[in-house]
Structure formats: C-alpha cells, structure tokens
Amino acid sequence: MGLVKKKAAPETAPAGTEVARDPLAALEDAEASARRDAAHALGHAAVPGAEAALARRLQAEGDAGVREAILTALARIATPDAAAALVSFLDREDAALRNAALESLQQMPAEVAAPALLPLLDHADADLRIFAVQGLGSLVHPAESAFRRADWLARVMERDADVNVCLAAVEALAEAGSPEALSSLEALARRFPADAFVAFAVDAARSSFRGG
C-alpha cells in the first residue's frame, strides 16, 4: 500500500504582516518595533491620512527610534500636510524634537516646505521666527523655483524688530551665498548702528560675498 502524504501545515504569517496590512493601526501597537516598522511602511506608501496619524503618534511617542522613523516618514512623504505637521512641532518645549522637526523640514523640496514655514516669519514668538529663518535659509531651491530665499531673508533684515532674528537671517544668507542681499545687509547695519554683533555679522557676510 502506498504511503499517504501528510497535508502540508498552513503557513503562518510573518511577524511583519500585520504592519504591512494596516500600518495606521500598527502605529498604536504596544511594541516599539511594530510602531517603528509601521512608520517606515507609511513613509514608503501613499496611505490617505498618514500625515495626521504620524503627527498624532509623534506627540505621544517616547521611543527615540520610533520618533526618528516618524520624522523620516514625514520628510519622505513631503506633502503640504506633512510639512504642516512638522511645523506644528517647532514650538514644543522638547528642544530635541523641535530640532529634529526642523531638520526633517529641511529635507523636503523647497516648494513644499517653504509655504509651511513662511507664515512663521510674522509670528509673535521671536524663537519661531528664528526657526523659520533657519529652515528657509537651508532649503534647496532649484534654479526655476518661484521661492526666493534672498527675498525672504532680506525682508526679515529690513523689517523684523528683534535683532536676534535679523542675525539669524544674516547667518543664513552668508551660508547660502546670496550677494544680491547686500543692500539689505547695509540697511540692517543702519537699523542697529550701536550693536557690535550686528556690525560684525554684516562685515563677515559682506566679506564672504566678496570672496574674502
């Protein structure tokens, strides 16, 4: 009598299947590794509502690895909603989270991040205006971009009443190499004629533009 083959046991689903099937739900998993995998998955797939879900998780997340995965996912998604979500963390008490959110914004295309940052230039909080200046100053602008970093930062130097915000704009311009803003630098020096820090920063920026 021939041997009867045993039926193969049904394959068990791999551990990561649940995350792949529903990463939005897995963002609230008790295991940090599952939340991290869910954030990675959302960063690589167009999932409706992912930006809001990632932002909600980031508000409560205590695991550094999951935080990093969420920030990376939002930077990778790079939609206006993702940029707005990151901007909402720039006024948090957690300095590490603020800086990480800004770094994620800086990784986005200028046409996405700039519209989210520009309103902060008129914010009542000088610290938020400084964050906006730092973010706008470091964005990568394609040659055909309609967003002009030098124009934004020149406006800050000509109008902002807080000298520290203005100094942040000078630093950003110097690092970006924007000699077209020389006239605004001179205007800033005239606005704060007795401030030695302003004089030094303006001289340093002027020198960098002229190859000194």
Protein backbone atom coordinates (compact mmCIF):
# COMPACT_ATOMS: atom_id res chain seq x y z
CA MET A 1 0.00 0.00 0.00
CA GLY A 2 1.43 3.37 -0.94
CA LEU A 3 2.26 5.95 1.66
CA VAL A 4 -0.25 8.73 2.12
CA LYS A 5 1.36 12.12 2.07
CA LYS A 6 0.64 14.30 5.01
CA LYS A 7 -1.05 17.56 4.25
CA ALA A 8 1.32 20.48 4.49
CA ALA A 9 0.72 22.62 7.54
CA PRO A 10 -0.68 26.07 6.68
CA GLU A 11 2.00 28.71 6.55
CA THR A 12 1.99 31.13 9.46
CA ALA A 13 2.04 34.82 8.64
CA PRO A 14 5.38 36.51 9.23
CA ALA A 15 5.61 38.88 12.17
CA GLY A 16 5.60 41.96 9.98
CA THR A 17 2.45 41.05 8.03
CA GLU A 18 0.13 42.97 10.36
CA VAL A 19 2.19 46.15 9.90
CA ALA A 20 2.22 45.72 6.14
CA ARG A 21 -1.54 45.13 6.12
CA ASP A 22 -2.55 48.06 8.32
CA PRO A 23 0.34 50.38 9.24
CA LEU A 24 -2.03 53.05 10.54
CA ALA A 25 -3.32 50.69 13.22
CA ALA A 26 0.17 49.39 13.95
CA LEU A 27 1.29 52.92 14.84
CA GLU A 28 -0.54 52.39 18.14
CA ASP A 29 0.93 48.94 18.82
CA ALA A 30 2.33 48.30 22.30
CA GLU A 31 5.65 47.16 20.79
CA ALA A 32 8.05 49.91 19.75
CA SER A 33 9.41 47.72 16.94
CA ALA A 34 5.92 47.41 15.44
CA ARG A 35 5.37 51.17 15.63
CA ARG A 36 8.74 51.77 14.03
CA ASP A 37 8.00 49.34 11.19
CA ALA A 38 4.61 50.99 10.69
CA ALA A 39 6.24 54.42 10.36
CA HIS A 40 8.71 53.05 7.82
CA ALA A 41 5.86 51.49 5.85
CA LEU A 42 3.86 54.73 5.80
CA GLY A 43 6.91 56.62 4.54
CA HIS A 44 7.12 54.36 1.50
CA ALA A 45 3.45 54.12 0.55
CA ALA A 46 0.75 56.61 -0.30
CA VAL A 47 -1.70 56.00 2.54
CA PRO A 48 -4.55 58.51 2.98
CA GLY A 49 -4.39 60.13 6.40
CA ALA A 50 -0.81 59.02 7.05
CA GLU A 51 0.42 62.54 7.83
CA ALA A 52 -2.16 63.16 10.57
CA ALA A 53 -1.67 59.69 12.07
CA LEU A 54 2.11 60.09 12.17
CA ALA A 55 1.80 63.52 13.78
CA ARG A 56 -0.57 62.18 16.44
CA ARG A 57 1.81 59.34 17.23
CA LEU A 58 4.77 61.71 17.39
CA GLN A 59 3.02 63.80 20.04
CA ALA A 60 2.90 60.87 22.45
CA GLU A 61 5.89 58.81 21.31
CA GLY A 62 8.61 58.22 23.89
CA ASP A 63 10.85 55.81 21.98
CA ALA A 64 13.73 57.58 20.20
CA GLY A 65 13.86 55.06 17.37
CA VAL A 66 10.16 55.37 16.64
CA ARG A 67 10.40 59.16 16.75
CA GLU A 68 13.18 59.08 14.20
CA ALA A 69 11.20 56.73 11.96
CA ILE A 70 8.15 59.01 12.11
CA LEU A 71 10.18 62.13 11.30
CA THR A 72 11.86 60.33 8.41
CA ALA A 73 8.49 59.15 7.13
CA LEU A 74 7.03 62.68 7.17
CA ALA A 75 10.10 64.04 5.35
CA ARG A 76 9.79 61.28 2.75
CA ILE A 77 6.04 61.81 2.25
CA ALA A 78 6.81 65.50 1.64
CA THR A 79 3.26 66.75 1.09
CA PRO A 80 1.90 70.10 2.31
CA ASP A 81 0.11 68.20 5.09
CA ALA A 82 3.38 66.54 6.14
CA ALA A 83 5.16 69.91 6.18
CA ALA A 84 2.37 71.47 8.24
CA ALA A 85 2.55 68.56 10.68
CA LEU A 86 6.28 69.12 11.20
CA VAL A 87 5.86 72.89 11.61
CA SER A 88 3.42 72.24 14.45
CA PHE A 89 6.29 70.76 16.49
CA LEU A 90 8.55 73.82 16.24
CA ASP A 91 7.01 75.43 19.34
CA ARG A 92 7.36 72.41 21.63
CA GLU A 93 9.29 72.52 24.90
CA ASP A 94 11.27 69.46 23.82
CA ALA A 95 14.34 71.01 22.15
CA ALA A 96 15.46 67.73 20.59
CA LEU A 97 12.04 67.26 18.98
CA ARG A 98 12.00 70.86 17.73
CA ASN A 99 15.40 70.48 16.10
CA ALA A 100 14.54 67.11 14.60
CA ALA A 101 11.30 68.50 13.12
CA LEU A 102 13.23 71.39 11.57
CA GLU A 103 15.80 69.00 10.10
CA SER A 104 13.01 66.95 8.55
CA LEU A 105 11.51 70.08 7.00
CA GLN A 106 14.90 70.98 5.57
CA GLN A 107 14.99 67.64 3.77
CA MET A 108 11.79 68.45 1.88
CA PRO A 109 11.66 70.18 -1.50
CA ALA A 110 11.51 73.96 -1.16
CA GLU A 111 8.14 74.16 -2.93
CA VAL A 112 6.65 72.00 -0.16
CA ALA A 113 8.44 73.24 2.97
CA ALA A 114 8.59 76.95 2.20
CA PRO A 115 4.82 77.62 2.19
CA ALA A 116 4.59 75.96 5.61
CA LEU A 117 7.48 77.99 7.06
CA LEU A 118 6.78 81.42 5.56
CA PRO A 119 3.81 82.28 7.85
CA LEU A 120 6.11 81.89 10.85
CA LEU A 121 8.09 84.95 9.73
CA ASP A 122 5.19 87.03 11.06
CA HIS A 123 4.67 85.03 14.26
CA ALA A 124 4.67 86.92 17.55
CA ASP A 125 7.22 84.47 19.02
CA ALA A 126 10.76 85.50 18.02
CA ASP A 127 12.04 81.96 18.57
CA LEU A 128 9.60 80.65 15.96
CA ARG A 129 10.68 83.37 13.56
CA ILE A 130 14.28 82.25 14.06
CA PHE A 131 13.30 78.65 13.32
CA ALA A 132 11.57 79.83 10.15
CA VAL A 133 14.65 81.77 9.08
CA GLN A 134 16.90 78.77 9.71
CA GLY A 135 14.58 76.47 7.83
CA LEU A 136 14.11 78.75 4.83
CA GLY A 137 17.81 79.51 4.67
CA SER A 138 18.77 75.87 4.30
CA LEU A 139 16.17 74.72 1.79
CA VAL A 140 17.47 73.53 -1.57
CA HIS A 141 15.99 75.75 -4.25
CA PRO A 142 16.02 74.64 -7.89
CA ALA A 143 17.03 77.33 -10.36
CA GLU A 144 13.48 77.65 -11.69
CA SER A 145 11.90 77.82 -8.24
CA ALA A 146 9.42 80.61 -7.60
CA PHE A 147 10.56 80.71 -3.97
CA ARG A 148 13.41 83.15 -3.45
CA ARG A 149 15.36 82.70 -0.25
CA ALA A 150 17.23 86.00 -0.55
CA ASP A 151 13.97 87.95 -0.84
CA TRP A 152 12.51 86.37 2.31
CA LEU A 153 15.63 86.88 4.39
CA ALA A 154 16.11 90.42 3.10
CA ARG A 155 12.60 91.22 4.28
CA VAL A 156 13.50 89.90 7.73
CA MET A 157 16.61 92.07 7.94
CA GLU A 158 14.71 95.16 6.82
CA ARG A 159 11.61 94.76 9.00
CA ASP A 160 12.00 92.43 11.98
CA ALA A 161 12.27 94.29 15.28
CA ASP A 162 14.19 91.52 17.07
CA VAL A 163 17.94 91.75 16.49
CA ASN A 164 18.43 88.01 17.07
CA VAL A 165 16.00 87.17 14.26
CA CYS A 166 17.88 89.55 12.00
CA LEU A 167 21.22 88.00 12.92
CA ALA A 168 19.82 84.57 12.09
CA ALA A 169 18.87 85.92 8.66
CA VAL A 170 22.38 87.30 8.13
CA GLU A 171 23.91 83.94 9.02
CA ALA A 172 21.54 82.11 6.68
CA LEU A 173 22.32 84.47 3.82
CA ALA A 174 26.06 84.15 4.36
CA GLU A 175 25.88 80.36 4.39
CA ALA A 176 23.70 80.29 1.28
CA GLY A 177 25.87 82.79 -0.57
CA SER A 178 23.32 85.43 -1.56
CA PRO A 179 25.22 88.59 -2.59
CA GLU A 180 22.01 90.08 -4.03
CA ALA A 181 21.05 90.84 -0.42
CA LEU A 182 23.96 93.24 0.16
CA SER A 183 21.69 96.27 0.18
CA SER A 184 19.56 94.67 2.90
CA LEU A 185 22.69 93.99 4.94
CA GLU A 186 23.57 97.67 4.75
CA ALA A 187 20.02 98.56 5.78
CA LEU A 188 20.33 96.27 8.80
CA ALA A 189 23.58 97.95 9.86
CA ARG A 190 21.80 101.30 9.73
CA ARG A 191 18.86 99.97 11.78
CA PHE A 192 21.13 98.83 14.63
CA PRO A 193 24.11 101.22 14.42
CA ALA A 194 25.23 100.70 18.03
CA ASP A 195 25.08 96.90 18.05
CA ALA A 196 28.56 95.40 17.79
CA PHE A 197 27.20 91.93 16.95
CA VAL A 198 25.27 93.32 14.00
CA ALA A 199 28.32 95.19 12.74
CA PHE A 200 30.46 92.06 12.99
CA ALA A 201 27.86 89.82 11.30
CA VAL A 202 27.29 92.28 8.46
CA ASP A 203 31.04 92.67 7.88
CA ALA A 204 31.52 88.88 7.87
CA ALA A 205 28.66 88.35 5.41
CA ARG A 206 29.86 91.18 3.19
CA SER A 207 33.33 89.69 3.15
CA SER A 208 32.05 86.20 2.27
CA PHE A 209 30.05 87.58 -0.65
CA ARG A 210 33.15 89.32 -1.99
CA GLY A 211 35.34 86.26 -1.66
CA GLY A 212 37.11 87.45 1.49
